[in-house]
C-alpha cells in the first residue's frame, strides 16, 4: 500500500528543492513524486523538509554535505532525476526542525525515515 507524505519542501540532493510536493512511499521506497495542487485524502503533512536519498550512508556522514550542493527551488521534478533514481530505489527522510531562511538544517535537526 502506498503512503503519501507532503512537506513545505522536498529536497533532491544535487538538484535542489521542490516546493509543496507529495512523495509516495511503498515498502520504504519512493515510488512517486508529484505536486500538491489541492488537498488530497490520505496525504500526511509534515513540517520541515523531506529529503530523498539513495541510502542511509548519505546521512551518516553529516547533513552539511547533502545540503551544500544546491539550494535552488525547482519549478518541476527534473526528468533526469526520475530516470536515474527511481529504478535504483530511494528512500524518504523527514528532517525537522529546518531553517527555511538558509535552507539548511539547524543544530537540533533530526531525521527519520518515512515508511
PDB file of N, CA and C in Angstrom:
ATOM      1  N   UNK A   1       0.835  -1.183   0.000  1.00  0.00           N
ATOM      2  CA  UNK A   1       0.000   0.000   0.000  1.00  0.00           C
ATOM      3  C   UNK A   1       0.886   1.254   0.000  1.00  0.00           C
ATOM      4  N   UNK A   2       0.589   2.167  -0.866  1.00  0.00           N
ATOM      5  CA  UNK A   2       1.373   3.396  -0.977  1.00  0.00           C
ATOM      6  C   UNK A   2       0.899   4.397   0.071  1.00  0.00           C
ATOM      7  N   UNK A   3       1.857   4.941   0.822  1.00  0.00           N
ATOM      8  CA  UNK A   3       1.578   6.020   1.763  1.00  0.00           C
ATOM      9  C   UNK A   3       2.073   7.307   1.126  1.00  0.00           C
ATOM     10  N   UNK A   4       1.345   8.388   1.345  1.00  0.00           N
ATOM     11  CA  UNK A   4       1.716   9.669   0.751  1.00  0.00           C
ATOM     12  C   UNK A   4       2.056  10.676   1.843  1.00  0.00           C
ATOM     13  N   UNK A   5       3.185  11.366   1.643  1.00  0.00           N
ATOM     14  CA  UNK A   5       3.671  12.355   2.595  1.00  0.00           C
ATOM     15  C   UNK A   5       3.944  13.664   1.857  1.00  0.00           C
ATOM     16  N   UNK A   6       3.654  14.785   2.507  1.00  0.00           N
ATOM     17  CA  UNK A   6       3.918  16.097   1.912  1.00  0.00           C
ATOM     18  C   UNK A   6       4.611  16.981   2.939  1.00  0.00           C
ATOM     19  N   UNK A   7       5.305  17.987   2.427  1.00  0.00           N
ATOM     20  CA  UNK A   7       6.001  18.937   3.282  1.00  0.00           C
ATOM     21  C   UNK A   7       6.137  20.260   2.535  1.00  0.00           C
ATOM     22  N   UNK A   8       6.599  21.283   3.262  1.00  0.00           N
ATOM     23  CA  UNK A   8       6.829  22.571   2.606  1.00  0.00           C
ATOM     24  C   UNK A   8       7.786  22.411   1.430  1.00  0.00           C
ATOM     25  N   UNK A   9       8.837  21.605   1.645  1.00  0.00           N
ATOM     26  CA  UNK A   9       9.825  21.380   0.598  1.00  0.00           C
ATOM     27  C   UNK A   9      10.248  19.917   0.563  1.00  0.00           C
ATOM     28  N   UNK A  10      10.512  19.430  -0.638  1.00  0.00           N
ATOM     29  CA  UNK A  10      11.138  18.129  -0.871  1.00  0.00           C
ATOM     30  C   UNK A  10      12.530  18.452  -1.409  1.00  0.00           C
ATOM     31  N   UNK A  11      13.574  17.850  -0.838  1.00  0.00           N
ATOM     32  CA  UNK A  11      14.937  18.128  -1.294  1.00  0.00           C
ATOM     33  C   UNK A  11      15.481  16.959  -2.094  1.00  0.00           C
ATOM     34  N   UNK A  12      15.977  17.273  -3.288  1.00  0.00           N
ATOM     35  CA  UNK A  12      16.617  16.295  -4.165  1.00  0.00           C
ATOM     36  C   UNK A  12      18.109  16.621  -4.175  1.00  0.00           C
ATOM     37  N   UNK A  13      18.944  15.870  -3.449  1.00  0.00           N
ATOM     38  CA  UNK A  13      20.371  16.187  -3.401  1.00  0.00           C
ATOM     39  C   UNK A  13      20.977  16.301  -4.802  1.00  0.00           C
ATOM     40  N   UNK A  14      21.737  17.369  -5.008  1.00  0.00           N
ATOM     41  CA  UNK A  14      22.369  17.600  -6.299  1.00  0.00           C
ATOM     42  C   UNK A  14      21.490  18.355  -7.286  1.00  0.00           C
ATOM     43  N   UNK A  15      20.209  18.540  -6.953  1.00  0.00           N
ATOM     44  CA  UNK A  15      19.281  19.230  -7.858  1.00  0.00           C
ATOM     45  C   UNK A  15      18.678  20.472  -7.219  1.00  0.00           C
ATOM     46  N   UNK A  16      18.140  20.333  -6.017  1.00  0.00           N
ATOM     47  CA  UNK A  16      17.506  21.457  -5.342  1.00  0.00           C
ATOM     48  C   UNK A  16      16.223  21.043  -4.644  1.00  0.00           C
ATOM     49  N   UNK A  17      15.372  22.037  -4.423  1.00  0.00           N
ATOM     50  CA  UNK A  17      14.139  21.847  -3.660  1.00  0.00           C
ATOM     51  C   UNK A  17      12.906  21.932  -4.552  1.00  0.00           C
ATOM     52  N   UNK A  18      11.912  21.134  -4.223  1.00  0.00           N
ATOM     53  CA  UNK A  18      10.592  21.234  -4.834  1.00  0.00           C
ATOM     54  C   UNK A  18       9.652  21.769  -3.768  1.00  0.00           C
ATOM     55  N   UNK A  19       8.895  22.802  -4.080  1.00  0.00           N
ATOM     56  CA  UNK A  19       8.003  23.410  -3.094  1.00  0.00           C
ATOM     57  C   UNK A  19       6.630  22.758  -3.150  1.00  0.00           C
ATOM     58  N   UNK A  20       6.162  22.297  -2.000  1.00  0.00           N
ATOM     59  CA  UNK A  20       4.855  21.672  -1.805  1.00  0.00           C
ATOM     60  C   UNK A  20       4.600  20.533  -2.789  1.00  0.00           C
ATOM     61  N   UNK A  21       5.351  19.476  -2.602  1.00  0.00           N
ATOM     62  CA  UNK A  21       5.200  18.254  -3.386  1.00  0.00           C
ATOM     63  C   UNK A  21       4.798  17.108  -2.470  1.00  0.00           C
ATOM     64  N   UNK A  22       4.288  16.052  -3.067  1.00  0.00           N
ATOM     65  CA  UNK A  22       3.898  14.835  -2.361  1.00  0.00           C
ATOM     66  C   UNK A  22       4.854  13.722  -2.765  1.00  0.00           C
ATOM     67  N   UNK A  23       5.239  12.908  -1.781  1.00  0.00           N
ATOM     68  CA  UNK A  23       6.099  11.752  -2.024  1.00  0.00           C
ATOM     69  C   UNK A  23       5.286  10.502  -1.718  1.00  0.00           C
ATOM     70  N   UNK A  24       5.213   9.581  -2.681  1.00  0.00           N
ATOM     71  CA  UNK A  24       4.552   8.297  -2.462  1.00  0.00           C
ATOM     72  C   UNK A  24       5.586   7.259  -2.073  1.00  0.00           C
ATOM     73  N   UNK A  25       5.351   6.560  -0.956  1.00  0.00           N
ATOM     74  CA  UNK A  25       6.308   5.579  -0.435  1.00  0.00           C
ATOM     75  C   UNK A  25       5.614   4.233  -0.284  1.00  0.00           C
ATOM     76  N   UNK A  26       6.265   3.199  -0.807  1.00  0.00           N
ATOM     77  CA  UNK A  26       5.755   1.836  -0.670  1.00  0.00           C
ATOM     78  C   UNK A  26       6.901   0.943  -0.215  1.00  0.00           C
ATOM     79  N   UNK A  27       6.688   0.233   0.883  1.00  0.00           N
ATOM     80  CA  UNK A  27       7.702  -0.661   1.452  1.00  0.00           C
ATOM     81  C   UNK A  27       9.036   0.053   1.665  1.00  0.00           C
ATOM     82  N   UNK A  28       8.966   1.303   2.130  1.00  0.00           N
ATOM     83  CA  UNK A  28      10.170   2.059   2.447  1.00  0.00           C
ATOM     84  C   UNK A  28      10.866   2.706   1.270  1.00  0.00           C
ATOM     85  N   UNK A  29      10.351   2.542   0.066  1.00  0.00           N
ATOM     86  CA  UNK A  29      10.974   3.116  -1.140  1.00  0.00           C
ATOM     87  C   UNK A  29      10.048   4.134  -1.802  1.00  0.00           C
ATOM     88  N   UNK A  30      10.636   5.208  -2.310  1.00  0.00           N
ATOM     89  CA  UNK A  30       9.865   6.232  -3.014  1.00  0.00           C
ATOM     90  C   UNK A  30       9.444   5.682  -4.370  1.00  0.00           C
ATOM     91  N   UNK A  31       8.141   5.748  -4.647  1.00  0.00           N
ATOM     92  CA  UNK A  31       7.623   5.251  -5.922  1.00  0.00           C
ATOM     93  C   UNK A  31       7.019   6.364  -6.774  1.00  0.00           C
ATOM     94  N   UNK A  32       6.760   7.534  -6.164  1.00  0.00           N
ATOM     95  CA  UNK A  32       6.212   8.646  -6.940  1.00  0.00           C
ATOM     96  C   UNK A  32       6.491   9.970  -6.242  1.00  0.00           C
ATOM     97  N   UNK A  33       6.545  11.018  -7.045  1.00  0.00           N
ATOM     98  CA  UNK A  33       6.684  12.387  -6.554  1.00  0.00           C
ATOM     99  C   UNK A  33       5.830  13.251  -7.469  1.00  0.00           C
ATOM    100  N   UNK A  34       4.919  14.042  -6.875  1.00  0.00           N
ATOM    101  CA  UNK A  34       4.057  14.883  -7.696  1.00  0.00           C
ATOM    102  C   UNK A  34       3.660  16.135  -6.921  1.00  0.00           C
ATOM    103  N   UNK A  35       3.258  17.214  -7.638  1.00  0.00           N
ATOM    104  CA  UNK A  35       2.915  18.474  -6.969  1.00  0.00           C
ATOM    105  C   UNK A  35       1.653  18.338  -6.121  1.00  0.00           C
ATOM    106  N   UNK A  36       1.635  19.063  -5.025  1.00  0.00           N
ATOM    107  CA  UNK A  36       0.454  19.144  -4.171  1.00  0.00           C
ATOM    108  C   UNK A  36      -0.344  20.357  -4.638  1.00  0.00           C
ATOM    109  N   UNK A  37      -1.273  20.128  -5.550  1.00  0.00           N
ATOM    110  CA  UNK A  37      -2.041  21.226  -6.133  1.00  0.00           C
ATOM    111  C   UNK A  37      -3.361  21.457  -5.417  1.00  0.00           C
ATOM    112  N   UNK A  38      -3.823  20.456  -4.687  1.00  0.00           N
ATOM    113  CA  UNK A  38      -5.062  20.569  -3.925  1.00  0.00           C
ATOM    114  C   UNK A  38      -4.993  19.571  -2.775  1.00  0.00           C
ATOM    115  N   UNK A  39      -5.892  19.721  -1.823  1.00  0.00           N
ATOM    116  CA  UNK A  39      -5.912  18.785  -0.704  1.00  0.00           C
ATOM    117  C   UNK A  39      -6.298  17.399  -1.211  1.00  0.00           C
ATOM    118  N   UNK A  40      -5.488  16.407  -0.862  1.00  0.00           N
ATOM    119  CA  UNK A  40      -5.709  15.034  -1.311  1.00  0.00           C
ATOM    120  C   UNK A  40      -5.906  14.162  -0.080  1.00  0.00           C
ATOM    121  N   UNK A  41      -6.943  13.349  -0.106  1.00  0.00           N
ATOM    122  CA  UNK A  41      -7.213  12.452   1.013  1.00  0.00           C
ATOM    123  C   UNK A  41      -6.059  11.473   1.194  1.00  0.00           C
ATOM    124  N   UNK A  42      -5.688  11.243   2.438  1.00  0.00           N
ATOM    125  CA  UNK A  42      -4.660  10.255   2.735  1.00  0.00           C
ATOM    126  C   UNK A  42      -3.235  10.758   2.647  1.00  0.00           C
ATOM    127  N   UNK A  43      -3.041  12.070   2.465  1.00  0.00           N
ATOM    128  CA  UNK A  43      -1.690  12.637   2.442  1.00  0.00           C
ATOM    129  C   UNK A  43      -1.370  13.153   3.838  1.00  0.00           C
ATOM    130  N   UNK A  44      -0.269  12.679   4.404  1.00  0.00           N
ATOM    131  CA  UNK A  44       0.156  13.104   5.729  1.00  0.00           C
ATOM    132  C   UNK A  44       1.124  14.276   5.578  1.00  0.00           C
ATOM    133  N   UNK A  45       0.783  15.407   6.197  1.00  0.00           N
ATOM    134  CA  UNK A  45       1.586  16.621   6.083  1.00  0.00           C
ATOM    135  C   UNK A  45       2.588  16.692   7.229  1.00  0.00           C
ATOM    136  N   UNK A  46       3.848  17.043   6.912  1.00  0.00           N
ATOM    137  CA  UNK A  46       4.891  17.180   7.920  1.00  0.00           C
ATOM    138  C   UNK A  46       5.532  18.558   7.841  1.00  0.00           C
ATOM    139  N   UNK A  47       5.922  19.115   9.003  1.00  0.00           N
ATOM    140  CA  UNK A  47       6.751  20.319   8.985  1.00  0.00           C
ATOM    141  C   UNK A  47       8.179  19.901   8.632  1.00  0.00           C
ATOM    142  N   UNK A  48       8.992  20.863   8.240  1.00  0.00           N
ATOM    143  CA  UNK A  48      10.378  20.525   7.906  1.00  0.00           C
ATOM    144  C   UNK A  48      10.544  20.228   6.430  1.00  0.00           C
ATOM    145  N   UNK A  49      11.520  19.383   6.119  1.00  0.00           N
ATOM    146  CA  UNK A  49      11.868  19.049   4.737  1.00  0.00           C
ATOM    147  C   UNK A  49      11.930  17.539   4.586  1.00  0.00           C
ATOM    148  N   UNK A  50      11.369  17.036   3.492  1.00  0.00           N
ATOM    149  CA  UNK A  50      11.510  15.621   3.153  1.00  0.00           C
ATOM    150  C   UNK A  50      12.676  15.518   2.178  1.00  0.00           C
ATOM    151  N   UNK A  51      13.656  14.698   2.531  1.00  0.00           N
ATOM    152  CA  UNK A  51      14.865  14.541   1.717  1.00  0.00           C
ATOM    153  C   UNK A  51      14.840  13.158   1.075  1.00  0.00           C
ATOM    154  N   UNK A  52      15.089  13.099  -0.236  1.00  0.00           N
ATOM    155  CA  UNK A  52      15.120  11.830  -0.964  1.00  0.00           C
ATOM    156  C   UNK A  52      16.571  11.404  -1.126  1.00  0.00           C
ATOM    157  N   UNK A  53      16.917  10.261  -0.533  1.00  0.00           N
ATOM    158  CA  UNK A  53      18.305   9.792  -0.536  1.00  0.00           C
ATOM    159  C   UNK A  53      18.404   8.356  -1.018  1.00  0.00           C
ATOM    160  N   UNK A  54      19.563   8.032  -1.604  1.00  0.00           N
ATOM    161  CA  UNK A  54      19.809   6.668  -2.066  1.00  0.00           C
ATOM    162  C   UNK A  54      19.949   5.694  -0.916  1.00  0.00           C
ATOM    163  N   UNK A  55      20.593   6.106   0.159  1.00  0.00           N
ATOM    164  CA  UNK A  55      20.791   5.204   1.292  1.00  0.00           C
ATOM    165  C   UNK A  55      21.146   5.977   2.545  1.00  0.00           C
ATOM    166  N   UNK A  56      21.172   5.280   3.671  1.00  0.00           N
ATOM    167  CA  UNK A  56      21.453   5.892   4.978  1.00  0.00           C
ATOM    168  C   UNK A  56      22.875   6.440   5.060  1.00  0.00           C
ATOM    169  N   UNK A  57      23.790   5.924   4.243  1.00  0.00           N
ATOM    170  CA  UNK A  57      25.177   6.399   4.292  1.00  0.00           C
ATOM    171  C   UNK A  57      25.265   7.892   4.027  1.00  0.00           C
ATOM    172  N   UNK A  58      24.401   8.409   3.153  1.00  0.00           N
ATOM    173  CA  UNK A  58      24.414   9.833   2.862  1.00  0.00           C
ATOM    174  C   UNK A  58      24.192  10.658   4.121  1.00  0.00           C
ATOM    175  N   UNK A  59      23.413  10.143   5.063  1.00  0.00           N
ATOM    176  CA  UNK A  59      23.098  10.861   6.293  1.00  0.00           C
ATOM    177  C   UNK A  59      24.190  10.670   7.330  1.00  0.00           C
ATOM    178  N   UNK A  60      24.761   9.491   7.408  1.00  0.00           N
ATOM    179  CA  UNK A  60      25.717   9.175   8.467  1.00  0.00           C
ATOM    180  C   UNK A  60      26.957  10.066   8.429  1.00  0.00           C
ATOM    181  N   UNK A  61      27.279  10.617   7.268  1.00  0.00           N
ATOM    182  CA  UNK A  61      28.456  11.479   7.145  1.00  0.00           C
ATOM    183  C   UNK A  61      28.163  12.917   7.561  1.00  0.00           C
ATOM    184  N   UNK A  62      26.962  13.194   7.956  1.00  0.00           N
ATOM    185  CA  UNK A  62      26.576  14.547   8.377  1.00  0.00           C
ATOM    186  C   UNK A  62      25.677  15.198   7.354  1.00  0.00           C
ATOM    187  N   UNK A  63      24.935  16.168   7.841  1.00  0.00           N
ATOM    188  CA  UNK A  63      23.939  16.821   6.984  1.00  0.00           C
ATOM    189  C   UNK A  63      24.539  17.850   6.040  1.00  0.00           C
ATOM    190  N   UNK A  64      25.610  18.509   6.469  1.00  0.00           N
ATOM    191  CA  UNK A  64      26.088  19.680   5.737  1.00  0.00           C
ATOM    192  C   UNK A  64      26.434  19.382   4.287  1.00  0.00           C
ATOM    193  N   UNK A  65      27.072  18.268   4.012  1.00  0.00           N
ATOM    194  CA  UNK A  65      27.450  17.939   2.641  1.00  0.00           C
ATOM    195  C   UNK A  65      26.264  17.743   1.724  1.00  0.00           C
ATOM    196  N   UNK A  66      25.192  17.206   2.252  1.00  0.00           N
ATOM    197  CA  UNK A  66      23.993  16.952   1.448  1.00  0.00           C
ATOM    198  C   UNK A  66      23.389  18.267   0.967  1.00  0.00           C
ATOM    199  N   UNK A  67      23.268  19.241   1.865  1.00  0.00           N
ATOM    200  CA  UNK A  67      22.550  20.474   1.557  1.00  0.00           C
ATOM    201  C   UNK A  67      23.420  21.534   0.895  1.00  0.00           C
ATOM    202  N   UNK A  68      24.734  21.354   0.841  1.00  0.00           N
ATOM    203  CA  UNK A  68      25.618  22.330   0.214  1.00  0.00           C
ATOM    204  C   UNK A  68      25.513  22.306  -1.306  1.00  0.00           C
ATOM    205  N   UNK A  69      25.076  21.203  -1.863  1.00  0.00           N
ATOM    206  CA  UNK A  69      25.134  21.021  -3.314  1.00  0.00           C
ATOM    207  C   UNK A  69      24.199  21.943  -4.083  1.00  0.00           C
ATOM    208  N   UNK A  70      23.021  22.219  -3.539  1.00  0.00           N
ATOM    209  CA  UNK A  70      22.095  23.069  -4.271  1.00  0.00           C
ATOM    210  C   UNK A  70      20.995  23.583  -3.361  1.00  0.00           C
ATOM    211  N   UNK A  71      20.769  24.886  -3.407  1.00  0.00           N
ATOM    212  CA  UNK A  71      19.676  25.466  -2.634  1.00  0.00           C
ATOM    213  C   UNK A  71      18.613  26.057  -3.560  1.00  0.00           C
ATOM    214  N   UNK A  72      18.700  25.736  -4.833  1.00  0.00           N
ATOM    215  CA  UNK A  72      17.763  26.248  -5.823  1.00  0.00           C
ATOM    216  C   UNK A  72      16.369  25.645  -5.620  1.00  0.00           C
ATOM    217  N   UNK A  73      15.336  26.481  -5.773  1.00  0.00           N
ATOM    218  CA  UNK A  73      13.962  25.983  -5.743  1.00  0.00           C
ATOM    219  C   UNK A  73      13.564  25.694  -7.187  1.00  0.00           C
ATOM    220  N   UNK A  74      13.245  24.447  -7.453  1.00  0.00           N
ATOM    221  CA  UNK A  74      12.934  23.989  -8.805  1.00  0.00           C
ATOM    222  C   UNK A  74      11.462  24.211  -9.137  1.00  0.00           C
ATOM    223  N   UNK A  75      11.169  24.414 -10.406  1.00  0.00           N
ATOM    224  CA  UNK A  75       9.788  24.575 -10.860  1.00  0.00           C
ATOM    225  C   UNK A  75       9.078  23.235 -10.995  1.00  0.00           C
ATOM    226  N   UNK A  76       9.849  22.202 -11.340  1.00  0.00           N
ATOM    227  CA  UNK A  76       9.258  20.871 -11.518  1.00  0.00           C
ATOM    228  C   UNK A  76      10.314  19.800 -11.263  1.00  0.00           C
ATOM    229  N   UNK A  77       9.859  18.573 -11.141  1.00  0.00           N
ATOM    230  CA  UNK A  77      10.746  17.436 -10.905  1.00  0.00           C
ATOM    231  C   UNK A  77      11.622  17.207 -12.136  1.00  0.00           C
ATOM    232  N   UNK A  78      12.954  17.230 -11.991  1.00  0.00           N
ATOM    233  CA  UNK A  78      13.832  17.013 -13.150  1.00  0.00           C
ATOM    234  C   UNK A  78      13.639  15.609 -13.734  1.00  0.00           C
ATOM    235  N   UNK A  79      13.453  15.528 -15.031  1.00  0.00           N
ATOM    236  CA  UNK A  79      13.235  14.240 -15.694  1.00  0.00           C
ATOM    237  C   UNK A  79      14.423  13.305 -15.477  1.00  0.00           C
ATOM    238  N   UNK A  80      15.631  13.852 -15.507  1.00  0.00           N
ATOM    239  CA  UNK A  80      16.830  13.032 -15.322  1.00  0.00           C
ATOM    240  C   UNK A  80      16.841  12.414 -13.922  1.00  0.00           C
ATOM    241  N   UNK A  81      16.305  13.111 -12.933  1.00  0.00           N
ATOM    242  CA  UNK A  81      16.228  12.560 -11.574  1.00  0.00           C
ATOM    243  C   UNK A  81      15.357  11.307 -11.570  1.00  0.00           C
ATOM    244  N   UNK A  82      14.233  11.368 -12.250  1.00  0.00           N
ATOM    245  CA  UNK A  82      13.326  10.207 -12.318  1.00  0.00           C
ATOM    246  C   UNK A  82      13.993   9.029 -13.019  1.00  0.00           C
ATOM    247  N   UNK A  83      14.661   9.289 -14.128  1.00  0.00           N
ATOM    248  CA  UNK A  83      15.276   8.220 -14.916  1.00  0.00           C
ATOM    249  C   UNK A  83      16.416   7.548 -14.166  1.00  0.00           C
ATOM    250  N   UNK A  84      17.205   8.333 -13.432  1.00  0.00           N
ATOM    251  CA  UNK A  84      18.378   7.786 -12.747  1.00  0.00           C
ATOM    252  C   UNK A  84      18.051   7.226 -11.369  1.00  0.00           C
ATOM    253  N   UNK A  85      17.057   7.785 -10.714  1.00  0.00           N
ATOM    254  CA  UNK A  85      16.860   7.500  -9.301  1.00  0.00           C
ATOM    255  C   UNK A  85      15.778   6.485  -9.003  1.00  0.00           C
ATOM    256  N   UNK A  86      14.606   6.627  -9.600  1.00  0.00           N
ATOM    257  CA  UNK A  86      13.513   5.717  -9.255  1.00  0.00           C
ATOM    258  C   UNK A  86      13.841   4.251  -9.525  1.00  0.00           C
ATOM    259  N   UNK A  87      14.478   3.916 -10.646  1.00  0.00           N
ATOM    260  CA  UNK A  87      14.803   2.495 -10.860  1.00  0.00           C
ATOM    261  C   UNK A  87      15.764   1.934  -9.813  1.00  0.00           C
ATOM    262  N   UNK A  88      16.679   2.762  -9.304  1.00  0.00           N
ATOM    263  CA  UNK A  88      17.663   2.262  -8.344  1.00  0.00           C
ATOM    264  C   UNK A  88      17.117   2.216  -6.922  1.00  0.00           C
ATOM    265  N   UNK A  89      16.030   2.893  -6.683  1.00  0.00           N
ATOM    266  CA  UNK A  89      15.409   2.893  -5.364  1.00  0.00           C
ATOM    267  C   UNK A  89      15.968   3.957  -4.446  1.00  0.00           C
ATOM    268  N   UNK A  90      15.082   4.803  -3.948  1.00  0.00           N
ATOM    269  CA  UNK A  90      15.478   5.828  -2.992  1.00  0.00           C
ATOM    270  C   UNK A  90      14.514   5.797  -1.815  1.00  0.00           C
ATOM    271  N   UNK A  91      14.954   6.382  -0.720  1.00  0.00           N
ATOM    272  CA  UNK A  91      14.140   6.448   0.484  1.00  0.00           C
ATOM    273  C   UNK A  91      13.882   7.904   0.838  1.00  0.00           C
ATOM    274  N   UNK A  92      12.792   8.134   1.571  1.00  0.00           N
ATOM    275  CA  UNK A  92      12.429   9.483   2.009  1.00  0.00           C
ATOM    276  C   UNK A  92      12.700   9.616   3.502  1.00  0.00           C
ATOM    277  N   UNK A  93      13.305  10.740   3.874  1.00  0.00           N
ATOM    278  CA  UNK A  93      13.605  11.030   5.276  1.00  0.00           C
ATOM    279  C   UNK A  93      13.058  12.404   5.619  1.00  0.00           C
ATOM    280  N   UNK A  94      12.436  12.515   6.783  1.00  0.00           N
ATOM    281  CA  UNK A  94      11.968  13.807   7.269  1.00  0.00           C
ATOM    282  C   UNK A  94      13.073  14.451   8.095  1.00  0.00           C
ATOM    283  N   UNK A  95      13.445  15.679   7.751  1.00  0.00           N
ATOM    284  CA  UNK A  95      14.412  16.465   8.513  1.00  0.00           C
ATOM    285  C   UNK A  95      13.648  17.581   9.213  1.00  0.00           C
ATOM    286  N   UNK A  96      13.697  17.581  10.557  1.00  0.00           N
ATOM    287  CA  UNK A  96      12.965  18.579  11.322  1.00  0.00           C
ATOM    288  C   UNK A  96      13.655  18.789  12.655  1.00  0.00           C
ATOM    289  N   UNK A  97      13.768  20.009  13.161  1.00  0.00           N
ATOM    290  CA  UNK A  97      13.401  21.278  12.539  1.00  0.00           C
ATOM    291  C   UNK A  97      14.375  21.653  11.421  1.00  0.00           C
ATOM    292  N   UNK A  98      13.990  22.667  10.647  1.00  0.00           N
ATOM    293  CA  UNK A  98      14.763  23.071   9.476  1.00  0.00           C
ATOM    294  C   UNK A  98      14.675  24.585   9.334  1.00  0.00           C
ATOM    295  N   UNK A  99      15.780  25.233   8.974  1.00  0.00           N
ATOM    296  CA  UNK A  99      15.816  26.683   8.800  1.00  0.00           C
ATOM    297  C   UNK A  99      15.487  27.025   7.348  1.00  0.00           C
ATOM    298  N   UNK A 100      14.292  27.557   7.126  1.00  0.00           N
ATOM    299  CA  UNK A 100      13.868  27.877   5.764  1.00  0.00           C
ATOM    300  C   UNK A 100      14.482  29.176   5.246  1.00  0.00           C
ATOM    301  N   UNK A 101      15.123  29.949   6.119  1.00  0.00           N
ATOM    302  CA  UNK A 101      15.805  31.161   5.678  1.00  0.00           C
ATOM    303  C   UNK A 101      17.098  30.800   4.956  1.00  0.00           C
ATOM    304  N   UNK A 102      17.873  29.895   5.561  1.00  0.00           N
ATOM    305  CA  UNK A 102      19.147  29.484   4.962  1.00  0.00           C
ATOM    306  C   UNK A 102      19.016  28.199   4.151  1.00  0.00           C
ATOM    307  N   UNK A 103      17.849  27.551   4.246  1.00  0.00           N
ATOM    308  CA  UNK A 103      17.595  26.253   3.596  1.00  0.00           C
ATOM    309  C   UNK A 103      18.630  25.225   4.051  1.00  0.00           C
ATOM    310  N   UNK A 104      18.900  25.226   5.356  1.00  0.00           N
ATOM    311  CA  UNK A 104      19.872  24.322   5.971  1.00  0.00           C
ATOM    312  C   UNK A 104      19.285  23.738   7.254  1.00  0.00           C
ATOM    313  N   UNK A 105      19.747  22.554   7.654  1.00  0.00           N
ATOM    314  CA  UNK A 105      19.358  22.020   8.959  1.00  0.00           C
ATOM    315  C   UNK A 105      19.902  22.922  10.070  1.00  0.00           C
ATOM    316  N   UNK A 106      19.281  22.868  11.234  1.00  0.00           N
ATOM    317  CA  UNK A 106      19.752  23.627  12.393  1.00  0.00           C
ATOM    318  C   UNK A 106      20.441  22.664  13.353  1.00  0.00           C
ATOM    319  N   UNK A 107      20.990  23.202  14.435  1.00  0.00           N
ATOM    320  CA  UNK A 107      21.728  22.380  15.387  1.00  0.00           C
ATOM    321  C   UNK A 107      20.955  21.178  15.913  1.00  0.00           C
ATOM    322  N   UNK A 108      19.666  21.325  16.141  1.00  0.00           N
ATOM    323  CA  UNK A 108      18.870  20.232  16.698  1.00  0.00           C
ATOM    324  C   UNK A 108      18.120  19.408  15.672  1.00  0.00           C
ATOM    325  N   UNK A 109      18.437  19.568  14.400  1.00  0.00           N
ATOM    326  CA  UNK A 109      17.717  18.828  13.360  1.00  0.00           C
ATOM    327  C   UNK A 109      17.906  17.329  13.528  1.00  0.00           C
ATOM    328  N   UNK A 110      16.807  16.622  13.464  1.00  0.00           N
ATOM    329  CA  UNK A 110      16.838  15.165  13.500  1.00  0.00           C
ATOM    330  C   UNK A 110      16.245  14.644  12.201  1.00  0.00           C
ATOM    331  N   UNK A 111      16.548  13.407  11.884  1.00  0.00           N
ATOM    332  CA  UNK A 111      15.970  12.806  10.683  1.00  0.00           C
ATOM    333  C   UNK A 111      15.353  11.461  11.038  1.00  0.00           C
ATOM    334  N   UNK A 112      14.313  11.125  10.290  1.00  0.00           N
ATOM    335  CA  UNK A 112      13.701   9.810  10.468  1.00  0.00           C
ATOM    336  C   UNK A 112      13.143   9.349   9.132  1.00  0.00           C
ATOM    337  N   UNK A 113      13.203   8.057   8.877  1.00  0.00           N
ATOM    338  CA  UNK A 113      12.672   7.543   7.608  1.00  0.00           C
ATOM    339  C   UNK A 113      11.151   7.621   7.581  1.00  0.00           C
ATOM    340  N   UNK A 114      10.602   7.889   6.413  1.00  0.00           N
ATOM    341  CA  UNK A 114       9.151   7.880   6.216  1.00  0.00           C
ATOM    342  C   UNK A 114       8.784   6.549   5.591  1.00  0.00           C
ATOM    343  N   UNK A 115       7.921   5.809   6.258  1.00  0.00           N
ATOM    344  CA  UNK A 115       7.521   4.482   5.779  1.00  0.00           C
ATOM    345  C   UNK A 115       6.025   4.346   5.800  1.00  0.00           C
TER     346      UNK A 115
END
